[in-house]
Amino acid sequence: MTNLIELLQHQHLVWQGSAQVAPKATTTGFTELDEHLAGGFHTTGVTEIQSESGVGELRLLMPVLVEAKVQQRLIVFIAPQGLISAQALAAQGIELDKVLTIYPKDQQQALWTAEQCLRSGACHSVLMWSYQALEIHHVKRLQVASETGNCRQFILREGKAESLSLPFDLSLSLQTHAKGVTVKINKRKCGWPSEAFHINMVDRWPSLTQQALPDNLIPFPQVQTG
């Protein structure tokens, strides 16, 4: 049994609750999330984000992506569901000549592309949209490449498609919320899962959040029919 546990630890498939050494992290840009992640996103590793498209997943990552300007490194979008808005990126201060958008023909090519970008050392963050089930060796290869190139990997998908647990460094689930997004930590390296909590985005994106109704506004009552 001891040999089995040591093997799983070596492969980073389990971790000890008594472990004190955590990877280097930088702020996510959101106080609520930083508190739950003990400082922020790790500077390397593979993070899974489960959500429906457009609930605020890119807004959640935007403060981290802005860091690429300081480091003069690339941001790579691989197989996004739609077009990435250059205007929205520029409005946040991201230099468009440091952004690559790649549309591979299938997931195998997407994984290969992500691995090469991570390993290159030229990239700050790689965002890959996944539409099919992943396997353990896919995530492990991305983790090794991430460490080699000192780069973050974010995998965005609508939900878990596997029966087994994958060795993500961090897994988050997002849902819509009137003031921003609701986040749940599913798993975290050197940490614990969490209950759902809210991230307030009103100050950053007031037009994309629900504003409080004026005190003198009386809503019409809802009428049930049928």
C-alpha atoms as a PDB file:
ATOM      1  CA  MET A   1       0.000   0.000   0.000  1.00  0.00           C
ATOM      2  CA  THR A   2       2.830   2.391   0.879  1.00  0.00           C
ATOM      3  CA  ASN A   3       4.482   1.816  -2.499  1.00  0.00           C
ATOM      4  CA  LEU A   4       1.187   2.505  -4.280  1.00  0.00           C
ATOM      5  CA  ILE A   5       0.683   5.801  -2.429  1.00  0.00           C
ATOM      6  CA  GLU A   6       4.257   6.875  -3.183  1.00  0.00           C
ATOM      7  CA  LEU A   7       3.717   6.057  -6.863  1.00  0.00           C
ATOM      8  CA  LEU A   8       0.516   8.119  -6.996  1.00  0.00           C
ATOM      9  CA  GLN A   9       2.226  11.031  -5.220  1.00  0.00           C
ATOM     10  CA  HIS A  10       5.122  10.896  -7.690  1.00  0.00           C
ATOM     11  CA  GLN A  11       2.612  11.105 -10.536  1.00  0.00           C
ATOM     12  CA  HIS A  12       0.849  14.036  -8.797  1.00  0.00           C
ATOM     13  CA  LEU A  13      -2.414  12.093  -8.663  1.00  0.00           C
ATOM     14  CA  VAL A  14      -2.757  12.507  -4.883  1.00  0.00           C
ATOM     15  CA  TRP A  15      -1.421  15.014  -2.389  1.00  0.00           C
ATOM     16  CA  GLN A  16      -1.015  15.018   1.386  1.00  0.00           C
ATOM     17  CA  GLY A  17      -3.140  17.342   3.475  1.00  0.00           C
ATOM     18  CA  SER A  18      -0.065  18.096   5.593  1.00  0.00           C
ATOM     19  CA  ALA A  19       1.898  19.373   2.598  1.00  0.00           C
ATOM     20  CA  GLN A  20       2.942  22.978   3.207  1.00  0.00           C
ATOM     21  CA  VAL A  21       4.747  23.879  -0.019  1.00  0.00           C
ATOM     22  CA  ALA A  22       2.398  25.377  -2.602  1.00  0.00           C
ATOM     23  CA  PRO A  23       3.315  26.523  -6.122  1.00  0.00           C
ATOM     24  CA  LYS A  24       3.935  30.220  -6.731  1.00  0.00           C
ATOM     25  CA  ALA A  25       0.716  32.157  -7.314  1.00  0.00           C
ATOM     26  CA  THR A  26      -0.279  35.616  -8.486  1.00  0.00           C
ATOM     27  CA  THR A  27      -3.522  37.495  -7.860  1.00  0.00           C
ATOM     28  CA  THR A  28      -6.567  36.677  -9.956  1.00  0.00           C
ATOM     29  CA  GLY A  29      -7.679  40.288  -9.764  1.00  0.00           C
ATOM     30  CA  PHE A  30     -10.690  39.355  -7.630  1.00  0.00           C
ATOM     31  CA  THR A  31     -10.419  39.450  -3.842  1.00  0.00           C
ATOM     32  CA  GLU A  32     -13.049  36.754  -3.290  1.00  0.00           C
ATOM     33  CA  LEU A  33     -11.248  34.290  -5.559  1.00  0.00           C
ATOM     34  CA  ASP A  34      -7.789  35.120  -4.176  1.00  0.00           C
ATOM     35  CA  GLU A  35      -9.009  34.305  -0.669  1.00  0.00           C
ATOM     36  CA  HIS A  36     -10.314  30.905  -1.714  1.00  0.00           C
ATOM     37  CA  LEU A  37      -7.161  30.099  -3.703  1.00  0.00           C
ATOM     38  CA  ALA A  38      -4.727  31.201  -0.981  1.00  0.00           C
ATOM     39  CA  GLY A  39      -3.284  33.997  -3.105  1.00  0.00           C
ATOM     40  CA  GLY A  40      -4.425  33.487  -6.682  1.00  0.00           C
ATOM     41  CA  PHE A  41      -3.792  31.387  -9.787  1.00  0.00           C
ATOM     42  CA  HIS A  42      -0.597  29.362  -9.901  1.00  0.00           C
ATOM     43  CA  THR A  43       1.936  30.715 -12.394  1.00  0.00           C
ATOM     44  CA  THR A  44       2.132  27.276 -14.030  1.00  0.00           C
ATOM     45  CA  GLY A  45      -0.115  24.241 -14.222  1.00  0.00           C
ATOM     46  CA  VAL A  46      -3.410  23.252 -15.825  1.00  0.00           C
ATOM     47  CA  THR A  47      -6.690  24.833 -14.713  1.00  0.00           C
ATOM     48  CA  GLU A  48     -10.069  23.505 -15.811  1.00  0.00           C
ATOM     49  CA  ILE A  49     -13.028  25.890 -16.045  1.00  0.00           C
ATOM     50  CA  GLN A  50     -16.438  24.270 -16.451  1.00  0.00           C
ATOM     51  CA  SER A  51     -19.212  26.603 -17.572  1.00  0.00           C
ATOM     52  CA  GLU A  52     -21.704  27.344 -20.272  1.00  0.00           C
ATOM     53  CA  SER A  53     -20.308  29.654 -22.904  1.00  0.00           C
ATOM     54  CA  GLY A  54     -20.557  33.358 -22.152  1.00  0.00           C
ATOM     55  CA  VAL A  55     -21.331  33.278 -18.425  1.00  0.00           C
ATOM     56  CA  GLY A  56     -18.225  35.334 -17.625  1.00  0.00           C
ATOM     57  CA  GLU A  57     -15.369  32.871 -18.006  1.00  0.00           C
ATOM     58  CA  LEU A  58     -13.197  35.257 -20.027  1.00  0.00           C
ATOM     59  CA  ARG A  59     -14.033  38.183 -17.739  1.00  0.00           C
ATOM     60  CA  LEU A  60     -12.832  36.038 -14.835  1.00  0.00           C
ATOM     61  CA  LEU A  61      -9.478  35.498 -16.562  1.00  0.00           C
ATOM     62  CA  MET A  62      -9.047  38.999 -17.963  1.00  0.00           C
ATOM     63  CA  PRO A  63      -7.006  40.463 -15.048  1.00  0.00           C
ATOM     64  CA  VAL A  64      -4.548  37.569 -15.379  1.00  0.00           C
ATOM     65  CA  LEU A  65      -4.272  37.975 -19.145  1.00  0.00           C
ATOM     66  CA  VAL A  66      -3.440  41.662 -18.751  1.00  0.00           C
ATOM     67  CA  GLU A  67      -0.212  40.557 -16.994  1.00  0.00           C
ATOM     68  CA  ALA A  68       1.107  39.408 -20.375  1.00  0.00           C
ATOM     69  CA  LYS A  69       1.657  43.050 -21.359  1.00  0.00           C
ATOM     70  CA  VAL A  70       4.102  43.559 -18.493  1.00  0.00           C
ATOM     71  CA  GLN A  71       5.984  40.374 -19.349  1.00  0.00           C
ATOM     72  CA  GLN A  72       5.807  40.978 -23.115  1.00  0.00           C
ATOM     73  CA  ARG A  73       4.653  37.420 -23.691  1.00  0.00           C
ATOM     74  CA  LEU A  74       1.907  35.921 -25.823  1.00  0.00           C
ATOM     75  CA  ILE A  75      -1.700  35.031 -25.037  1.00  0.00           C
ATOM     76  CA  VAL A  76      -2.959  32.090 -27.109  1.00  0.00           C
ATOM     77  CA  PHE A  77      -6.617  31.161 -27.720  1.00  0.00           C
ATOM     78  CA  ILE A  78      -7.039  27.657 -29.149  1.00  0.00           C
ATOM     79  CA  ALA A  79     -10.347  26.452 -30.646  1.00  0.00           C
ATOM     80  CA  PRO A  80     -12.626  29.113 -29.103  1.00  0.00           C
ATOM     81  CA  GLN A  81     -16.348  28.625 -29.639  1.00  0.00           C
ATOM     82  CA  GLY A  82     -16.665  31.900 -31.500  1.00  0.00           C
ATOM     83  CA  LEU A  83     -14.655  34.934 -32.475  1.00  0.00           C
ATOM     84  CA  ILE A  84     -12.485  36.564 -29.832  1.00  0.00           C
ATOM     85  CA  SER A  85     -13.320  40.267 -29.670  1.00  0.00           C
ATOM     86  CA  ALA A  86     -10.189  42.289 -30.401  1.00  0.00           C
ATOM     87  CA  GLN A  87     -12.014  45.424 -29.241  1.00  0.00           C
ATOM     88  CA  ALA A  88     -12.767  43.873 -25.834  1.00  0.00           C
ATOM     89  CA  LEU A  89      -9.147  42.774 -25.377  1.00  0.00           C
ATOM     90  CA  ALA A  90      -7.786  46.172 -26.390  1.00  0.00           C
ATOM     91  CA  ALA A  91     -10.197  47.902 -23.991  1.00  0.00           C
ATOM     92  CA  GLN A  92      -8.544  45.985 -21.152  1.00  0.00           C
ATOM     93  CA  GLY A  93      -5.083  47.099 -22.233  1.00  0.00           C
ATOM     94  CA  ILE A  94      -4.025  43.875 -23.949  1.00  0.00           C
ATOM     95  CA  GLU A  95      -1.679  44.396 -26.893  1.00  0.00           C
ATOM     96  CA  LEU A  96      -3.277  42.733 -29.900  1.00  0.00           C
ATOM     97  CA  ASP A  97       0.047  41.912 -31.541  1.00  0.00           C
ATOM     98  CA  LYS A  98       0.702  39.657 -28.543  1.00  0.00           C
ATOM     99  CA  VAL A  99      -2.479  37.630 -29.116  1.00  0.00           C
ATOM    100  CA  LEU A 100      -2.755  34.460 -31.223  1.00  0.00           C
ATOM    101  CA  THR A 101      -6.034  32.744 -32.088  1.00  0.00           C
ATOM    102  CA  ILE A 102      -5.731  29.238 -33.532  1.00  0.00           C
ATOM    103  CA  TYR A 103      -8.504  27.036 -34.899  1.00  0.00           C
ATOM    104  CA  PRO A 104      -7.252  23.429 -35.145  1.00  0.00           C
ATOM    105  CA  LYS A 105      -9.333  20.903 -37.101  1.00  0.00           C
ATOM    106  CA  ASP A 106      -9.821  18.538 -34.135  1.00  0.00           C
ATOM    107  CA  GLN A 107      -9.022  18.083 -30.446  1.00  0.00           C
ATOM    108  CA  GLN A 108      -5.888  16.067 -31.124  1.00  0.00           C
ATOM    109  CA  GLN A 109      -4.407  18.988 -33.020  1.00  0.00           C
ATOM    110  CA  ALA A 110      -5.632  21.399 -30.348  1.00  0.00           C
ATOM    111  CA  LEU A 111      -3.815  19.445 -27.625  1.00  0.00           C
ATOM    112  CA  TRP A 112      -0.637  19.281 -29.712  1.00  0.00           C
ATOM    113  CA  THR A 113      -0.824  23.029 -30.380  1.00  0.00           C
ATOM    114  CA  ALA A 114      -1.354  23.814 -26.704  1.00  0.00           C
ATOM    115  CA  GLU A 115       1.616  21.668 -25.712  1.00  0.00           C
ATOM    116  CA  GLN A 116       3.933  23.390 -28.195  1.00  0.00           C
ATOM    117  CA  CYS A 117       2.815  26.845 -27.078  1.00  0.00           C
ATOM    118  CA  LEU A 118       3.289  25.987 -23.403  1.00  0.00           C
ATOM    119  CA  ARG A 119       6.709  24.494 -23.981  1.00  0.00           C
ATOM    120  CA  SER A 120       7.972  27.384 -26.137  1.00  0.00           C
ATOM    121  CA  GLY A 121       8.604  29.806 -23.265  1.00  0.00           C
ATOM    122  CA  ALA A 122       7.127  32.613 -25.372  1.00  0.00           C
ATOM    123  CA  CYS A 123       3.612  32.406 -23.922  1.00  0.00           C
ATOM    124  CA  HIS A 124       2.108  33.827 -20.752  1.00  0.00           C
ATOM    125  CA  SER A 125      -1.225  31.968 -20.884  1.00  0.00           C
ATOM    126  CA  VAL A 126      -2.776  29.380 -23.192  1.00  0.00           C
ATOM    127  CA  LEU A 127      -6.567  29.038 -23.289  1.00  0.00           C
ATOM    128  CA  MET A 128      -7.934  25.926 -24.982  1.00  0.00           C
ATOM    129  CA  TRP A 129     -11.601  25.064 -25.467  1.00  0.00           C
ATOM    130  CA  SER A 130     -12.280  21.334 -25.195  1.00  0.00           C
ATOM    131  CA  TYR A 131     -15.316  19.678 -26.776  1.00  0.00           C
ATOM    132  CA  GLN A 132     -14.485  16.010 -26.162  1.00  0.00           C
ATOM    133  CA  ALA A 133     -13.435  13.809 -23.271  1.00  0.00           C
ATOM    134  CA  LEU A 134      -9.853  14.194 -22.067  1.00  0.00           C
ATOM    135  CA  GLU A 135      -7.534  11.498 -20.744  1.00  0.00           C
ATOM    136  CA  ILE A 136      -5.055  11.548 -17.888  1.00  0.00           C
ATOM    137  CA  HIS A 137      -2.047  11.543 -20.198  1.00  0.00           C
ATOM    138  CA  HIS A 138      -3.392  14.608 -22.024  1.00  0.00           C
ATOM    139  CA  VAL A 139      -3.415  16.630 -18.811  1.00  0.00           C
ATOM    140  CA  LYS A 140      -0.045  15.254 -17.679  1.00  0.00           C
ATOM    141  CA  ARG A 141       1.645  16.260 -20.947  1.00  0.00           C
ATOM    142  CA  LEU A 142       0.223  19.767 -20.656  1.00  0.00           C
ATOM    143  CA  GLN A 143       1.431  20.007 -17.055  1.00  0.00           C
ATOM    144  CA  VAL A 144       4.980  19.057 -18.023  1.00  0.00           C
ATOM    145  CA  ALA A 145       4.950  21.526 -20.917  1.00  0.00           C
ATOM    146  CA  SER A 146       3.567  24.227 -18.626  1.00  0.00           C
ATOM    147  CA  GLU A 147       6.416  23.753 -16.157  1.00  0.00           C
ATOM    148  CA  THR A 148       8.969  23.715 -18.976  1.00  0.00           C
ATOM    149  CA  GLY A 149       7.786  26.979 -20.506  1.00  0.00           C
ATOM    150  CA  ASN A 150       6.675  28.679 -17.252  1.00  0.00           C
ATOM    151  CA  CYS A 151       3.188  29.205 -18.653  1.00  0.00           C
ATOM    152  CA  ARG A 152      -0.413  28.781 -17.477  1.00  0.00           C
ATOM    153  CA  GLN A 153      -2.857  26.476 -19.245  1.00  0.00           C
ATOM    154  CA  PHE A 154      -6.607  27.048 -18.977  1.00  0.00           C
ATOM    155  CA  ILE A 155      -8.988  24.424 -20.366  1.00  0.00           C
ATOM    156  CA  LEU A 156     -12.516  25.708 -20.898  1.00  0.00           C
ATOM    157  CA  ARG A 157     -15.397  23.298 -21.419  1.00  0.00           C
ATOM    158  CA  GLU A 158     -19.082  23.009 -20.669  1.00  0.00           C
ATOM    159  CA  GLY A 159     -18.852  20.063 -18.316  1.00  0.00           C
ATOM    160  CA  LYS A 160     -17.022  16.961 -17.237  1.00  0.00           C
ATOM    161  CA  ALA A 161     -17.094  14.327 -19.990  1.00  0.00           C
ATOM    162  CA  GLU A 162     -15.119  11.561 -18.266  1.00  0.00           C
ATOM    163  CA  SER A 163     -15.987   8.944 -15.686  1.00  0.00           C
ATOM    164  CA  LEU A 164     -12.541   9.218 -14.088  1.00  0.00           C
ATOM    165  CA  SER A 165     -10.978  12.131 -12.203  1.00  0.00           C
ATOM    166  CA  LEU A 166      -8.364  14.058 -14.154  1.00  0.00           C
ATOM    167  CA  PRO A 167      -5.249  15.477 -12.424  1.00  0.00           C
ATOM    168  CA  PHE A 168      -5.975  19.169 -12.970  1.00  0.00           C
ATOM    169  CA  ASP A 169      -4.046  21.529 -10.698  1.00  0.00           C
ATOM    170  CA  LEU A 170      -7.281  23.474 -10.276  1.00  0.00           C
ATOM    171  CA  SER A 171     -10.865  22.843 -11.363  1.00  0.00           C
ATOM    172  CA  LEU A 172     -13.571  25.532 -11.195  1.00  0.00           C
ATOM    173  CA  SER A 173     -17.268  25.499 -12.058  1.00  0.00           C
ATOM    174  CA  LEU A 174     -18.962  28.770 -13.018  1.00  0.00           C
ATOM    175  CA  GLN A 175     -22.590  29.823 -13.124  1.00  0.00           C
ATOM    176  CA  THR A 176     -24.258  33.105 -13.882  1.00  0.00           C
ATOM    177  CA  HIS A 177     -24.973  35.610 -11.129  1.00  0.00           C
ATOM    178  CA  ALA A 178     -26.672  39.012 -11.266  1.00  0.00           C
ATOM    179  CA  LYS A 179     -23.528  40.784 -10.015  1.00  0.00           C
ATOM    180  CA  GLY A 180     -20.912  38.654 -11.805  1.00  0.00           C
ATOM    181  CA  VAL A 181     -20.375  34.902 -11.541  1.00  0.00           C
ATOM    182  CA  THR A 182     -20.836  32.135  -9.006  1.00  0.00           C
ATOM    183  CA  VAL A 183     -17.730  29.991  -8.554  1.00  0.00           C
ATOM    184  CA  LYS A 184     -17.245  26.556  -7.013  1.00  0.00           C
ATOM    185  CA  ILE A 185     -13.810  25.000  -6.528  1.00  0.00           C
ATOM    186  CA  ASN A 186     -14.094  21.331  -7.480  1.00  0.00           C
ATOM    187  CA  LYS A 187     -10.480  20.428  -6.688  1.00  0.00           C
ATOM    188  CA  ARG A 188      -7.277  22.306  -5.942  1.00  0.00           C
ATOM    189  CA  LYS A 189      -3.662  21.234  -5.680  1.00  0.00           C
ATOM    190  CA  CYS A 190      -2.399  21.791  -2.114  1.00  0.00           C
ATOM    191  CA  GLY A 191      -5.877  22.882  -1.085  1.00  0.00           C
ATOM    192  CA  TRP A 192      -9.486  21.863  -0.650  1.00  0.00           C
ATOM    193  CA  PRO A 193     -12.721  22.134  -2.644  1.00  0.00           C
ATOM    194  CA  SER A 194     -15.167  24.879  -1.687  1.00  0.00           C
ATOM    195  CA  GLU A 195     -18.836  25.633  -1.525  1.00  0.00           C
ATOM    196  CA  ALA A 196     -20.171  28.012  -4.160  1.00  0.00           C
ATOM    197  CA  PHE A 197     -19.333  31.700  -3.674  1.00  0.00           C
ATOM    198  CA  HIS A 198     -19.980  34.879  -5.656  1.00  0.00           C
ATOM    199  CA  ILE A 199     -17.503  37.134  -7.447  1.00  0.00           C
ATOM    200  CA  ASN A 200     -18.660  40.718  -7.834  1.00  0.00           C
ATOM    201  CA  MET A 201     -17.848  42.207 -11.260  1.00  0.00           C
ATOM    202  CA  VAL A 202     -19.981  45.328 -11.033  1.00  0.00           C
ATOM    203  CA  ASP A 203     -17.025  47.708 -10.695  1.00  0.00           C
ATOM    204  CA  ARG A 204     -15.156  46.220 -13.668  1.00  0.00           C
ATOM    205  CA  TRP A 205     -18.092  45.578 -16.028  1.00  0.00           C
ATOM    206  CA  PRO A 206     -21.179  47.497 -14.860  1.00  0.00           C
ATOM    207  CA  SER A 207     -22.917  47.160 -18.237  1.00  0.00           C
ATOM    208  CA  LEU A 208     -22.675  43.353 -18.057  1.00  0.00           C
ATOM    209  CA  THR A 209     -24.162  43.008 -14.579  1.00  0.00           C
ATOM    210  CA  GLN A 210     -27.622  43.628 -13.174  1.00  0.00           C
ATOM    211  CA  GLN A 211     -27.944  47.034 -11.578  1.00  0.00           C
ATOM    212  CA  ALA A 212     -29.947  47.748  -8.435  1.00  0.00           C
ATOM    213  CA  LEU A 213     -33.454  49.074  -9.076  1.00  0.00           C
ATOM    214  CA  PRO A 214     -34.192  52.677  -8.021  1.00  0.00           C
ATOM    215  CA  ASP A 215     -36.040  53.006  -4.700  1.00  0.00           C
ATOM    216  CA  ASN A 216     -38.998  54.737  -6.388  1.00  0.00           C
ATOM    217  CA  LEU A 217     -39.496  51.993  -8.990  1.00  0.00           C
ATOM    218  CA  ILE A 218     -42.351  49.598  -8.279  1.00  0.00           C
ATOM    219  CA  PRO A 219     -42.135  46.337 -10.265  1.00  0.00           C
ATOM    220  CA  PHE A 220     -45.333  44.971 -11.812  1.00  0.00           C
ATOM    221  CA  PRO A 221     -46.628  41.844 -10.064  1.00  0.00           C
ATOM    222  CA  GLN A 222     -46.299  38.602 -11.974  1.00  0.00           C
ATOM    223  CA  VAL A 223     -49.555  37.110 -13.161  1.00  0.00           C
ATOM    224  CA  GLN A 224     -49.882  33.377 -13.534  1.00  0.00           C
ATOM    225  CA  THR A 225     -51.969  32.116 -16.418  1.00  0.00           C
ATOM    226  CA  GLY A 226     -53.439  28.749 -17.219  1.00  0.00           C
END
